[in-house]
Each structure stands twice: as C-alpha cells, then as structure tokens.
C-alpha cells in the first residue's frame, strides 16, 4: 500500500464555512471532525504549498464492535503540482480502541495538478478506490494566538489505496507515522451493550454508562 500521511506533516488551519459533524449517540463508536464555532472542517494551510497538504472531513460511526458502519468521509491530498481527492466516500468499516480509530472508506478518487498537460500528459481517469484513515483523539483543540499554524494535539494518517474494493475490515495500523493536525478530532469508544436482561439487573445497568435506568437497559438487551 502507498502511504500518504496527513500532509506528511499535517500543518493545519481550519476552513471557514463547513459545518461540524453531528455527534452520534454514546451507544455507538464514532470518529468525527468537530469545529470551533468560528471554523469548520480541517485543512492544511496553503501558504505551505511546497509541502504536501491534506484536508479532510470525517463523520463515521458504528456499533460498539464495529457492526453497521455508517457515515461519510472526504479528503484532498497533495500539492498544487499533484493532488488527489475523494469528494464523497462511504464509511465501510470502523474499529475504535480507546482514543484511536481506524476508518475504512470507498469512493471516487480524482487526480489533478499542474504537472498534467491535457495534450501530452493527461491526468489518470477517476477511479473508485478503498482507503484507510487513522484518527487519534489526544484532547480538545485550543486556539493559540501565538502559534500561527494552530496545530492541535490530535493525530491522523491517510493510507491509500487500500485496494479497488471497499475495505470491510479495519485492522490495527502502526502509529509510528502519525502526525499532528489542525482542528479537533473526536473519537468515542462505546461500551459493549448488554446481551441479556440479567446483565441489567442488580444495578448492572449503571456499568454501561448510557442507560437512564434498569428498564432502559432491559429494552436494549431484548432481541
């Protein structure tokens, strides 16, 4: 697989005008990009056009064990000379462990940039690809007016392509090449849900941290 990290250095500011992802219920695993009120989305500062940049939006969720993955991703990676983008991709798998999420997606990739001359060296045609995005939530983003790049504590990495078919399994990936990003990523590891009514009794419902009372837990455990 060809590894493309978030900017290889994900030097990031936030892009105005993009809405934040809606937070899924706490009974689901999720990984989303969240925006401070005056900003939205995550993108790399194009002042640093000599370096690769990556912008992305992330709205992924699944059941506590990765079941029923849902959501969308979009990203744009490269430099003005060469860039790749996926405008809308479907989330095909999600694995969350603590503050770390591995998200698989599948969508139409486009390639462009000024190195391509339509007459003699046209860009490759668009094609559907699978890819994997790693997101690590290291805490909330805090705007620092003394840091012009506004790099936050969160980390991420893009790996593409992961094949010509949708990835259905999101395996563990080494975190050695993760880089800091601008903006705020929120990763939530949902507690396992009860599989029997007995697990909800004698105060057991409290251990899950998401139920209002025993009856609420029992209803979730019922087939």
Protein backbone atom coordinates (compact mmCIF):
# COMPACT_ATOMS: atom_id res chain seq x y z
CA UNK A 1 0.00 0.00 0.00
CA UNK A 2 1.14 3.52 -0.72
CA UNK A 3 1.25 5.59 2.45
CA UNK A 4 0.19 9.19 2.32
CA UNK A 5 0.33 10.82 5.72
CA UNK A 6 -1.69 13.85 6.70
CA UNK A 7 0.47 16.37 4.93
CA UNK A 8 3.34 14.08 5.72
CA UNK A 9 3.22 16.90 8.15
CA UNK A 10 -0.36 17.79 8.70
CA UNK A 11 0.17 21.50 9.23
CA UNK A 12 -3.37 22.66 9.57
CA UNK A 13 -5.70 25.55 9.89
CA UNK A 14 -9.46 25.20 9.70
CA UNK A 15 -11.55 26.00 6.68
CA UNK A 16 -14.38 28.52 7.26
CA UNK A 17 -17.92 27.69 6.28
CA UNK A 18 -18.01 23.94 6.85
CA UNK A 19 -20.49 22.59 9.37
CA UNK A 20 -19.34 20.30 12.17
CA UNK A 21 -20.43 16.68 12.11
CA UNK A 22 -23.40 15.78 14.27
CA UNK A 23 -22.38 13.79 17.36
CA UNK A 24 -23.76 10.21 17.26
CA UNK A 25 -25.38 8.65 20.37
CA UNK A 26 -23.00 7.35 23.07
CA UNK A 27 -24.09 3.77 22.36
CA UNK A 28 -22.13 3.88 19.08
CA UNK A 29 -18.42 4.07 18.35
CA UNK A 30 -17.60 7.18 16.38
CA UNK A 31 -14.84 9.32 14.93
CA UNK A 32 -15.77 12.79 13.72
CA UNK A 33 -14.15 16.11 12.89
CA UNK A 34 -15.50 18.85 15.14
CA UNK A 35 -15.14 22.60 14.64
CA UNK A 36 -14.76 25.56 16.96
CA UNK A 37 -17.75 27.89 16.39
CA UNK A 38 -15.96 30.22 14.01
CA UNK A 39 -14.46 27.45 11.91
CA UNK A 40 -15.31 24.16 10.28
CA UNK A 41 -13.60 21.10 8.86
CA UNK A 42 -9.84 20.52 8.85
CA UNK A 43 -7.48 21.66 6.15
CA UNK A 44 -3.83 22.41 5.58
CA UNK A 45 -2.54 25.94 5.20
CA UNK A 46 -1.86 26.51 1.51
CA UNK A 47 0.84 29.06 2.37
CA UNK A 48 2.99 25.96 2.69
CA UNK A 49 2.34 24.96 -0.91
CA UNK A 50 5.81 23.45 -1.31
CA UNK A 51 4.76 20.75 1.13
CA UNK A 52 2.05 18.14 0.74
CA UNK A 53 -1.20 19.14 2.39
CA UNK A 54 -4.30 17.21 3.29
CA UNK A 55 -7.78 18.40 4.09
CA UNK A 56 -10.48 16.05 5.27
CA UNK A 57 -13.93 15.82 6.79
CA UNK A 58 -14.83 12.82 8.89
CA UNK A 59 -18.22 11.58 10.09
CA UNK A 60 -18.01 7.85 10.91
CA UNK A 61 -19.87 5.66 13.39
CA UNK A 62 -20.64 2.01 14.10
CA UNK A 63 -21.88 -0.32 16.79
CA UNK A 64 -19.56 -0.99 19.76
CA UNK A 65 -17.97 -3.93 17.97
CA UNK A 66 -17.74 -2.28 14.56
CA UNK A 67 -21.11 -3.55 13.37
CA UNK A 68 -23.26 -1.49 11.00
CA UNK A 69 -20.64 1.10 9.98
CA UNK A 70 -22.11 4.30 8.59
CA UNK A 71 -21.14 7.81 7.59
CA UNK A 72 -19.06 9.65 5.03
CA UNK A 73 -15.52 10.93 4.50
CA UNK A 74 -13.93 13.35 2.08
CA UNK A 75 -10.30 14.33 1.57
CA UNK A 76 -7.90 16.22 -0.66
CA UNK A 77 -4.19 15.42 -0.60
CA UNK A 78 -1.16 16.71 -2.48
CA UNK A 79 0.46 19.93 -3.67
CA UNK A 80 -0.57 22.41 -6.38
CA UNK A 81 1.52 20.33 -8.80
CA UNK A 82 -0.08 16.98 -7.98
CA UNK A 83 -3.17 16.28 -5.94
CA UNK A 84 -5.68 13.54 -5.25
CA UNK A 85 -9.18 13.95 -3.86
CA UNK A 86 -12.27 11.99 -2.89
CA UNK A 87 -15.30 14.25 -2.66
CA UNK A 88 -17.67 11.78 -1.01
CA UNK A 89 -16.76 8.33 0.28
CA UNK A 90 -18.85 5.84 2.21
CA UNK A 91 -17.58 4.52 5.54
CA UNK A 92 -17.16 0.76 5.11
CA UNK A 93 -15.57 -0.23 8.42
CA UNK A 94 -14.66 1.29 11.77
CA UNK A 95 -12.56 -0.02 14.65
CA UNK A 96 -12.25 2.12 17.78
CA UNK A 97 -9.90 1.28 20.64
CA UNK A 98 -9.79 3.90 23.35
CA UNK A 99 -8.91 7.21 21.69
CA UNK A 100 -7.81 5.65 18.40
CA UNK A 101 -10.00 4.96 15.36
CA UNK A 102 -9.28 3.13 12.11
CA UNK A 103 -11.79 4.09 9.44
CA UNK A 104 -12.16 2.43 6.06
CA UNK A 105 -13.76 4.23 3.14
CA UNK A 106 -14.59 3.76 -0.53
CA UNK A 107 -15.15 6.48 -3.09
CA UNK A 108 -14.25 8.02 -6.43
CA UNK A 109 -10.67 9.36 -6.48
CA UNK A 110 -9.72 12.17 -8.86
CA UNK A 111 -6.14 13.12 -9.74
CA UNK A 112 -5.03 16.52 -10.98
CA UNK A 113 -2.45 19.30 -10.71
CA UNK A 114 -0.39 21.50 -12.98
CA UNK A 115 2.08 18.73 -13.87
CA UNK A 116 -0.60 17.28 -16.13
CA UNK A 117 -0.94 18.66 -19.66
CA UNK A 118 -4.20 17.51 -21.31
CA UNK A 119 -2.47 17.50 -24.71
CA UNK A 120 0.58 15.39 -23.91
CA UNK A 121 0.27 14.10 -20.35
CA UNK A 122 -3.36 13.91 -19.24
CA UNK A 123 -4.27 13.08 -15.66
CA UNK A 124 -5.38 9.49 -14.96
CA UNK A 125 -9.14 8.97 -15.16
CA UNK A 126 -11.18 8.92 -11.94
CA UNK A 127 -11.46 5.52 -10.29
CA UNK A 128 -13.14 4.03 -7.23
CA UNK A 129 -10.64 3.16 -4.50
CA UNK A 130 -10.60 1.91 -0.96
CA UNK A 131 -8.55 3.73 1.68
CA UNK A 132 -7.96 3.82 5.42
CA UNK A 133 -7.82 6.86 7.69
CA UNK A 134 -6.28 6.67 11.16
CA UNK A 135 -7.52 9.22 13.71
CA UNK A 136 -6.24 9.69 17.27
CA UNK A 137 -8.05 11.97 19.73
CA UNK A 138 -5.45 13.43 22.09
CA UNK A 139 -7.73 16.02 23.64
CA UNK A 140 -9.62 19.17 22.66
CA UNK A 141 -8.18 21.68 20.24
CA UNK A 142 -7.28 25.01 21.87
CA UNK A 143 -6.64 28.07 19.72
CA UNK A 144 -3.21 29.50 20.48
CA UNK A 145 -2.82 33.02 19.02
CA UNK A 146 0.95 32.71 19.44
CA UNK A 147 1.12 29.70 17.11
CA UNK A 148 0.39 30.79 13.53
CA UNK A 149 -0.23 27.23 12.34
CA UNK A 150 -2.73 26.46 15.13
CA UNK A 151 -1.59 22.83 15.23
CA UNK A 152 -3.67 20.83 17.69
CA UNK A 153 -2.82 17.74 19.75
CA UNK A 154 -4.74 15.24 17.63
CA UNK A 155 -3.04 12.95 15.11
CA UNK A 156 -4.02 11.27 11.88
CA UNK A 157 -2.72 9.45 8.83
CA UNK A 158 -4.15 8.56 5.43
CA UNK A 159 -3.29 5.28 3.72
CA UNK A 160 -4.35 4.83 0.10
CA UNK A 161 -5.11 2.96 -1.93
CA UNK A 162 -6.23 0.00 0.13
CA UNK A 163 -7.43 -1.81 -2.98
CA UNK A 164 -10.10 -1.48 -5.63
CA UNK A 165 -12.83 -2.91 -3.39
CA UNK A 166 -14.38 -1.44 -0.23
CA UNK A 167 -12.34 -2.36 2.89
CA UNK A 168 -14.57 -4.39 5.21
CA UNK A 169 -12.04 -4.93 7.97
CA UNK A 170 -10.21 -2.07 9.71
CA UNK A 171 -7.07 -3.67 11.16
CA UNK A 172 -4.64 -2.15 13.58
CA UNK A 173 -2.05 0.05 11.87
CA UNK A 174 1.27 1.20 13.30
CA UNK A 175 1.07 4.68 14.79
CA UNK A 176 4.70 5.44 14.02
CA UNK A 177 3.89 7.73 11.09
CA UNK A 178 1.04 9.67 12.67
CA UNK A 179 1.27 13.45 12.52
CA UNK A 180 -0.31 16.37 14.32
CA UNK A 181 -3.30 18.00 12.67
CA UNK A 182 -5.13 21.30 12.88
CA UNK A 183 -8.66 21.29 14.20
CA UNK A 184 -10.27 18.80 16.52
CA UNK A 185 -10.95 15.10 16.05
CA UNK A 186 -13.32 13.39 18.48
CA UNK A 187 -13.07 9.61 18.91
CA UNK A 188 -15.54 7.75 21.15
CA UNK A 189 -15.22 4.11 22.21
CA UNK A 190 -18.73 2.98 23.14
CA UNK A 191 -19.16 0.47 25.97
CA UNK A 192 -20.31 -3.04 24.97
CA UNK A 193 -24.07 -3.37 25.10
CA UNK A 194 -25.90 -5.96 27.24
CA UNK A 195 -26.84 -9.22 25.56
CA UNK A 196 -29.27 -10.43 28.25
CA UNK A 197 -31.75 -8.88 30.68
CA UNK A 198 -29.83 -10.41 33.57
CA UNK A 199 -26.87 -8.14 32.86
CA UNK A 200 -29.09 -5.12 33.56
CA UNK A 201 -30.33 -6.30 36.96
CA UNK A 202 -28.94 -5.59 40.46
CA UNK A 203 -27.54 -2.27 39.30
CA UNK A 204 -25.73 -3.78 36.32
CA UNK A 205 -27.29 -1.17 34.01
CA UNK A 206 -25.15 1.51 35.64
CA UNK A 207 -21.90 -0.08 34.44
CA UNK A 208 -22.72 0.72 30.81
CA UNK A 209 -22.89 4.46 31.47
CA UNK A 210 -25.54 5.14 28.84
CA UNK A 211 -28.85 3.93 30.33
CA UNK A 212 -31.30 6.03 32.34
CA UNK A 213 -32.50 3.11 34.46
CA UNK A 214 -32.79 -0.70 34.56
CA UNK A 215 -35.82 -0.72 32.27
CA UNK A 216 -33.94 1.25 29.62
CA UNK A 217 -31.15 -1.32 29.78
CA UNK A 218 -33.56 -4.25 29.58
CA UNK A 219 -35.19 -2.84 26.48
CA UNK A 220 -31.79 -2.57 24.80
CA UNK A 221 -30.94 -6.17 25.74
CA UNK A 222 -34.20 -7.56 24.38
CA UNK A 223 -33.92 -9.20 20.95
